[in-house]
Amino acid sequence: MEWTEEGWRGLVEIVILSVGIYYVITFIRGTRGAPVVVGFLLVLLALTVLTIALELQVLSLLLTNFFAFFAVAVLILFQPELRRMLGELGTLPFLASAHEQRENIEVIIRTVERLADVRIGMLIAIEQSIQLAEVVESGILVDCEATSEMLETIFFPNNALHDGGVIMRGDRITHAACIFPLTQRLDLSTSLGTRHRAAMGLSEETDAIVVVVSEESGAISYAYRGQLVKGITLEQLRSFLTAMLVRPNKTRSVGSWLRALFSRRTAAPAPDSSSNPPGS
């Protein structure tokens, strides 16, 4: 009986650890700090093997007490991602009817199509569960209905609001001329324009979907979860926005919402910048 009880406890511990490791790997995959963590773990593994093989007592003591410092390092490395995840846990996602969301998507598609044809730069952030309060502090309050005509007017060259990005919340344009945070990634091409870097920067810190039109080439791109997908067609953009924004008009269970929290991190395709021209 005691053996059976201990066996069940061990099985439960294995399941908990397996699930925890899986979600940790899912969480850090594709983030800016992932290469640092992987390299650090490899060094730590090599030191551990060396310590055990040579019975190095001082090094063993240091490694034993190092994990507290490692936890602090993880908090520093993944501060934007952790803040975004906690923000999602603390807020309910904005739910509109599927019909309303499709209308909002078509407004964006029409705007992108017209601006891309005449090569007018555009930067729109679609707010989701995390409010963009810190970002809109730098912008100008608009608070009007989102229409393609209004968006085109905002981004028209020499307009007082055309510099910066626009915040959309549901079917409303809340702010314009917003300064989005630039990405701090060092592995990006130097030819990548400011609009694209700003789109990536905002998507790294929030769950917003950021749509970009290049002023130089008219190329269409979007950023989500720190991933930038460039050179897409209008149909590809429509499909992505529909998949991300059109939700069933019903209440989700806690379990399904938590699964969506992690699964949506990998919803965006891997970035591909080899087939598009540079531009801002």
Protein backbone atom coordinates (compact mmCIF):
# COMPACT_ATOMS: atom_id res chain seq x y z
CA MET A 1 0.00 0.00 0.00
CA GLU A 2 2.83 2.39 0.88
CA TRP A 3 4.61 1.52 -2.36
CA THR A 4 1.46 2.20 -4.36
CA GLU A 5 0.98 5.57 -2.67
CA GLU A 6 4.60 6.55 -3.30
CA GLY A 7 4.27 5.41 -6.91
CA TRP A 8 1.24 7.64 -7.49
CA ARG A 9 3.01 10.58 -5.91
CA GLY A 10 5.99 10.08 -8.17
CA LEU A 11 3.74 9.82 -11.21
CA VAL A 12 1.96 13.07 -10.28
CA GLU A 13 5.31 14.81 -9.83
CA ILE A 14 6.48 13.61 -13.25
CA VAL A 15 3.29 14.87 -14.91
CA ILE A 16 3.52 18.27 -13.20
CA LEU A 17 7.18 18.68 -14.13
CA SER A 18 6.54 17.58 -17.72
CA VAL A 19 3.70 20.07 -18.17
CA GLY A 20 5.75 22.82 -16.50
CA ILE A 21 8.80 22.20 -18.71
CA TYR A 22 6.62 22.08 -21.84
CA TYR A 23 5.01 25.46 -21.11
CA VAL A 24 8.35 27.02 -20.16
CA ILE A 25 9.83 25.92 -23.50
CA THR A 26 6.71 27.19 -25.30
CA PHE A 27 6.95 30.49 -23.47
CA ILE A 28 10.61 31.25 -24.22
CA ARG A 29 10.63 29.92 -27.80
CA GLY A 30 10.96 32.77 -30.26
CA THR A 31 11.62 35.42 -27.61
CA ARG A 32 14.64 37.74 -27.55
CA GLY A 33 16.08 36.02 -24.48
CA ALA A 34 15.77 32.47 -25.80
CA PRO A 35 19.32 32.24 -27.30
CA VAL A 36 20.78 33.61 -24.06
CA VAL A 37 18.92 31.03 -21.95
CA VAL A 38 19.90 28.15 -24.25
CA GLY A 39 23.56 29.15 -24.20
CA PHE A 40 23.51 29.62 -20.44
CA LEU A 41 21.90 26.20 -19.85
CA LEU A 42 24.53 24.53 -22.04
CA VAL A 43 27.32 26.15 -20.01
CA LEU A 44 25.57 25.18 -16.76
CA LEU A 45 25.18 21.59 -17.96
CA ALA A 46 28.86 21.37 -18.91
CA LEU A 47 29.92 22.75 -15.50
CA THR A 48 27.62 20.30 -13.71
CA VAL A 49 29.05 17.31 -15.59
CA LEU A 50 32.60 18.53 -14.92
CA THR A 51 31.84 19.04 -11.22
CA ILE A 52 30.40 15.54 -10.80
CA ALA A 53 33.15 13.87 -12.80
CA LEU A 54 36.02 15.56 -10.94
CA GLU A 55 34.21 15.86 -7.58
CA LEU A 56 34.83 19.61 -7.33
CA GLN A 57 33.26 20.49 -3.98
CA VAL A 58 33.58 24.29 -4.12
CA LEU A 59 32.12 24.48 -7.61
CA SER A 60 29.34 22.10 -6.56
CA LEU A 61 28.44 24.41 -3.67
CA LEU A 62 28.41 27.42 -5.95
CA LEU A 63 26.15 25.68 -8.48
CA THR A 64 23.76 24.59 -5.73
CA ASN A 65 23.30 28.16 -4.52
CA PHE A 66 23.22 29.66 -8.00
CA PHE A 67 19.61 28.89 -8.89
CA ALA A 68 18.25 31.79 -6.83
CA PHE A 69 20.35 34.18 -8.92
CA PHE A 70 19.26 32.36 -12.07
CA ALA A 71 15.59 33.03 -11.24
CA VAL A 72 16.35 36.77 -10.96
CA ALA A 73 18.20 36.66 -14.29
CA VAL A 74 15.18 35.03 -15.95
CA LEU A 75 12.90 37.76 -14.60
CA ILE A 76 15.19 40.41 -16.08
CA LEU A 77 15.60 38.69 -19.46
CA PHE A 78 11.90 38.00 -19.95
CA GLN A 79 10.46 41.10 -18.30
CA PRO A 80 8.48 42.23 -21.42
CA GLU A 81 7.11 38.72 -22.07
CA LEU A 82 6.19 38.15 -18.41
CA ARG A 83 4.47 41.52 -18.18
CA ARG A 84 2.50 40.73 -21.33
CA MET A 85 1.45 37.31 -20.06
CA LEU A 86 0.40 38.63 -16.65
CA GLY A 87 -1.52 41.39 -18.37
CA GLU A 88 -3.43 38.80 -20.34
CA LEU A 89 -4.18 36.79 -17.21
CA GLY A 90 -5.46 39.90 -15.48
CA THR A 91 -7.78 41.08 -18.22
CA LEU A 92 -10.60 39.52 -20.19
CA PRO A 93 -10.22 39.53 -23.96
CA PHE A 94 -12.31 42.01 -25.90
CA LEU A 95 -15.19 40.07 -27.39
CA ALA A 96 -17.28 41.44 -30.21
CA SER A 97 -19.62 39.56 -32.48
CA ALA A 98 -18.11 37.78 -35.45
CA HIS A 99 -20.02 40.11 -37.80
CA GLU A 100 -18.62 43.23 -36.12
CA GLN A 101 -15.09 41.87 -36.18
CA ARG A 102 -15.33 41.01 -39.87
CA GLU A 103 -16.50 44.55 -40.62
CA ASN A 104 -13.51 45.94 -38.69
CA ILE A 105 -11.19 43.68 -40.64
CA GLU A 106 -12.62 44.86 -43.97
CA VAL A 107 -12.03 48.49 -42.93
CA ILE A 108 -8.36 47.68 -42.37
CA ILE A 109 -8.12 45.67 -45.62
CA ARG A 110 -9.59 48.50 -47.70
CA THR A 111 -7.24 51.01 -46.09
CA VAL A 112 -4.20 48.81 -46.64
CA GLU A 113 -5.15 48.19 -50.27
CA ARG A 114 -5.54 51.88 -51.10
CA LEU A 115 -2.44 53.06 -49.26
CA ALA A 116 -0.28 50.26 -50.64
CA ASP A 117 -1.30 51.14 -54.21
CA VAL A 118 -0.08 54.73 -53.82
CA ARG A 119 2.82 53.83 -51.47
CA ILE A 120 1.71 55.81 -48.45
CA GLY A 121 3.19 54.54 -45.20
CA MET A 122 0.82 53.14 -42.56
CA LEU A 123 1.14 51.79 -39.03
CA ILE A 124 -1.97 50.49 -37.23
CA ALA A 125 -2.06 48.66 -33.89
CA ILE A 126 -5.17 46.59 -33.19
CA GLU A 127 -5.64 46.47 -29.43
CA GLN A 128 -6.65 43.17 -27.88
CA SER A 129 -6.71 42.15 -24.21
CA ILE A 130 -3.75 44.31 -23.11
CA GLN A 131 -4.61 48.00 -23.12
CA LEU A 132 -2.08 50.23 -24.85
CA ALA A 133 -2.30 52.96 -22.22
CA GLU A 134 1.46 53.53 -22.01
CA VAL A 135 1.72 53.88 -25.78
CA VAL A 136 -1.25 56.20 -26.33
CA GLU A 137 0.12 58.68 -23.81
CA SER A 138 2.44 59.82 -26.61
CA GLY A 139 -0.40 60.12 -29.13
CA ILE A 140 -3.30 62.43 -29.85
CA LEU A 141 -6.82 61.51 -28.75
CA VAL A 142 -9.10 60.93 -31.74
CA ASP A 143 -11.94 58.68 -30.53
CA CYS A 144 -13.93 58.31 -33.73
CA GLU A 145 -15.48 55.52 -35.75
CA ALA A 146 -12.94 53.49 -37.69
CA THR A 147 -13.53 53.92 -41.40
CA SER A 148 -11.16 53.49 -44.30
CA GLU A 149 -11.68 57.14 -45.26
CA MET A 150 -10.69 58.33 -41.79
CA LEU A 151 -7.60 56.13 -41.71
CA GLU A 152 -6.53 57.29 -45.16
CA THR A 153 -6.95 60.89 -44.07
CA ILE A 154 -4.79 60.33 -40.98
CA PHE A 155 -1.93 58.78 -42.95
CA PHE A 156 -2.07 61.19 -45.90
CA PRO A 157 1.34 62.89 -46.30
CA ASN A 158 1.78 66.28 -44.64
CA ASN A 159 -1.23 65.62 -42.41
CA ALA A 160 -0.54 66.69 -38.83
CA LEU A 161 -1.30 63.14 -37.62
CA HIS A 162 0.40 61.08 -40.31
CA ASP A 163 3.64 60.50 -38.36
CA GLY A 164 3.46 57.66 -35.85
CA GLY A 165 0.92 54.91 -35.41
CA VAL A 166 -2.83 54.59 -34.94
CA ILE A 167 -4.53 52.65 -32.14
CA MET A 168 -7.72 50.78 -33.00
CA ARG A 169 -9.97 49.39 -30.26
CA GLY A 170 -12.84 47.44 -31.72
CA ASP A 171 -14.55 49.67 -34.29
CA ARG A 172 -13.02 52.88 -32.91
CA ILE A 173 -9.87 54.81 -33.67
CA THR A 174 -8.78 55.88 -30.20
CA HIS A 175 -5.44 57.64 -30.79
CA ALA A 176 -3.21 58.73 -33.65
CA ALA A 177 0.39 59.94 -34.02
CA CYS A 178 1.50 57.45 -31.35
CA ILE A 179 5.18 56.65 -30.90
CA PHE A 180 5.57 52.89 -30.58
CA PRO A 181 8.59 51.40 -28.77
CA LEU A 182 11.28 50.18 -31.18
CA THR A 183 12.46 46.60 -30.98
CA GLN A 184 15.83 46.06 -29.31
CA ARG A 185 16.70 42.96 -31.33
CA LEU A 186 20.22 43.04 -32.77
CA ASP A 187 19.79 40.26 -35.34
CA LEU A 188 17.63 42.31 -37.72
CA SER A 189 18.72 43.65 -41.09
CA THR A 190 19.96 47.22 -41.03
CA SER A 191 17.67 47.92 -43.99
CA LEU A 192 14.56 47.30 -41.88
CA GLY A 193 12.63 50.56 -41.61
CA THR A 194 11.49 52.42 -38.52
CA ARG A 195 7.83 51.49 -39.00
CA HIS A 196 8.65 47.80 -39.05
CA ARG A 197 10.92 48.09 -36.00
CA ALA A 198 8.17 49.97 -34.16
CA ALA A 199 5.63 47.30 -35.13
CA MET A 200 7.90 44.57 -33.77
CA GLY A 201 8.64 46.54 -30.61
CA LEU A 202 4.97 47.00 -29.72
CA SER A 203 4.14 43.37 -30.52
CA GLU A 204 6.95 42.20 -28.23
CA GLU A 205 5.50 44.05 -25.23
CA THR A 206 1.77 43.56 -25.86
CA ASP A 207 -0.62 41.20 -27.62
CA ALA A 208 -1.55 43.85 -30.21
CA ILE A 209 -1.59 43.00 -33.91
CA VAL A 210 0.32 45.67 -35.83
CA VAL A 211 -0.25 46.15 -39.57
CA VAL A 212 2.35 48.01 -41.65
CA VAL A 213 2.48 49.41 -45.17
CA SER A 214 5.92 50.40 -46.41
CA GLU A 215 6.24 53.94 -47.72
CA GLU A 216 9.11 52.99 -50.05
CA SER A 217 7.76 49.83 -51.65
CA GLY A 218 4.08 49.60 -50.68
CA ALA A 219 4.76 46.14 -49.24
CA ILE A 220 2.28 44.85 -46.64
CA SER A 221 3.45 43.35 -43.35
CA TYR A 222 2.17 42.52 -39.91
CA ALA A 223 3.80 41.94 -36.53
CA TYR A 224 2.49 39.72 -33.76
CA ARG A 225 4.19 38.31 -30.66
CA GLY A 226 7.50 39.80 -31.76
CA GLN A 227 7.32 38.09 -35.16
CA LEU A 228 7.39 40.21 -38.31
CA VAL A 229 5.86 38.72 -41.47
CA LYS A 230 6.65 40.79 -44.56
CA GLY A 231 5.56 40.86 -48.19
CA ILE A 232 2.11 39.33 -47.72
CA THR A 233 -0.95 39.67 -49.94
CA LEU A 234 -4.27 41.19 -48.95
CA GLU A 235 -5.82 37.73 -48.77
CA GLN A 236 -3.08 36.50 -46.46
CA LEU A 237 -3.61 39.52 -44.22
CA ARG A 238 -7.38 38.97 -44.21
CA SER A 239 -6.95 35.30 -43.32
CA PHE A 240 -4.58 36.09 -40.46
CA LEU A 241 -6.77 38.85 -39.02
CA THR A 242 -9.85 36.64 -39.31
CA ALA A 243 -8.11 33.77 -37.53
CA MET A 244 -6.94 36.05 -34.70
CA LEU A 245 -9.90 38.39 -34.23
CA VAL A 246 -13.08 36.56 -35.19
CA ARG A 247 -14.05 34.52 -32.16
CA PRO A 248 -17.25 32.68 -31.28
CA ASN A 249 -19.57 34.93 -29.30
CA LYS A 250 -19.61 32.74 -26.23
CA THR A 251 -17.86 32.51 -22.90
CA ARG A 252 -14.72 30.39 -22.85
CA SER A 253 -13.91 27.99 -20.09
CA VAL A 254 -10.85 28.75 -17.97
CA GLY A 255 -9.02 25.74 -19.38
CA SER A 256 -9.60 26.62 -23.00
CA TRP A 257 -8.62 30.25 -22.40
CA LEU A 258 -5.37 29.21 -20.73
CA ARG A 259 -4.60 26.88 -23.64
CA ALA A 260 -5.26 29.73 -26.05
CA LEU A 261 -2.90 31.96 -24.07
CA PHE A 262 0.03 29.70 -24.94
CA SER A 263 -1.09 28.39 -28.33
CA ARG A 264 -1.57 31.89 -29.77
CA ARG A 265 2.13 32.59 -29.19
CA THR A 266 2.87 30.35 -32.16
CA ALA A 267 -0.09 31.36 -34.32
CA ALA A 268 1.96 33.74 -36.47
CA PRO A 269 4.04 32.14 -39.22
CA ALA A 270 7.79 32.32 -38.95
CA PRO A 271 9.15 35.62 -40.22
CA ASP A 272 10.42 35.62 -43.77
CA SER A 273 12.22 38.70 -44.99
CA SER A 274 14.15 37.15 -47.87
CA SER A 275 11.49 37.80 -50.50
CA ASN A 276 10.58 41.39 -49.77
CA PRO A 277 12.16 44.70 -50.46
CA PRO A 278 13.26 46.80 -47.52
CA GLY A 279 11.33 49.84 -46.55
CA SER A 280 9.84 51.85 -43.72
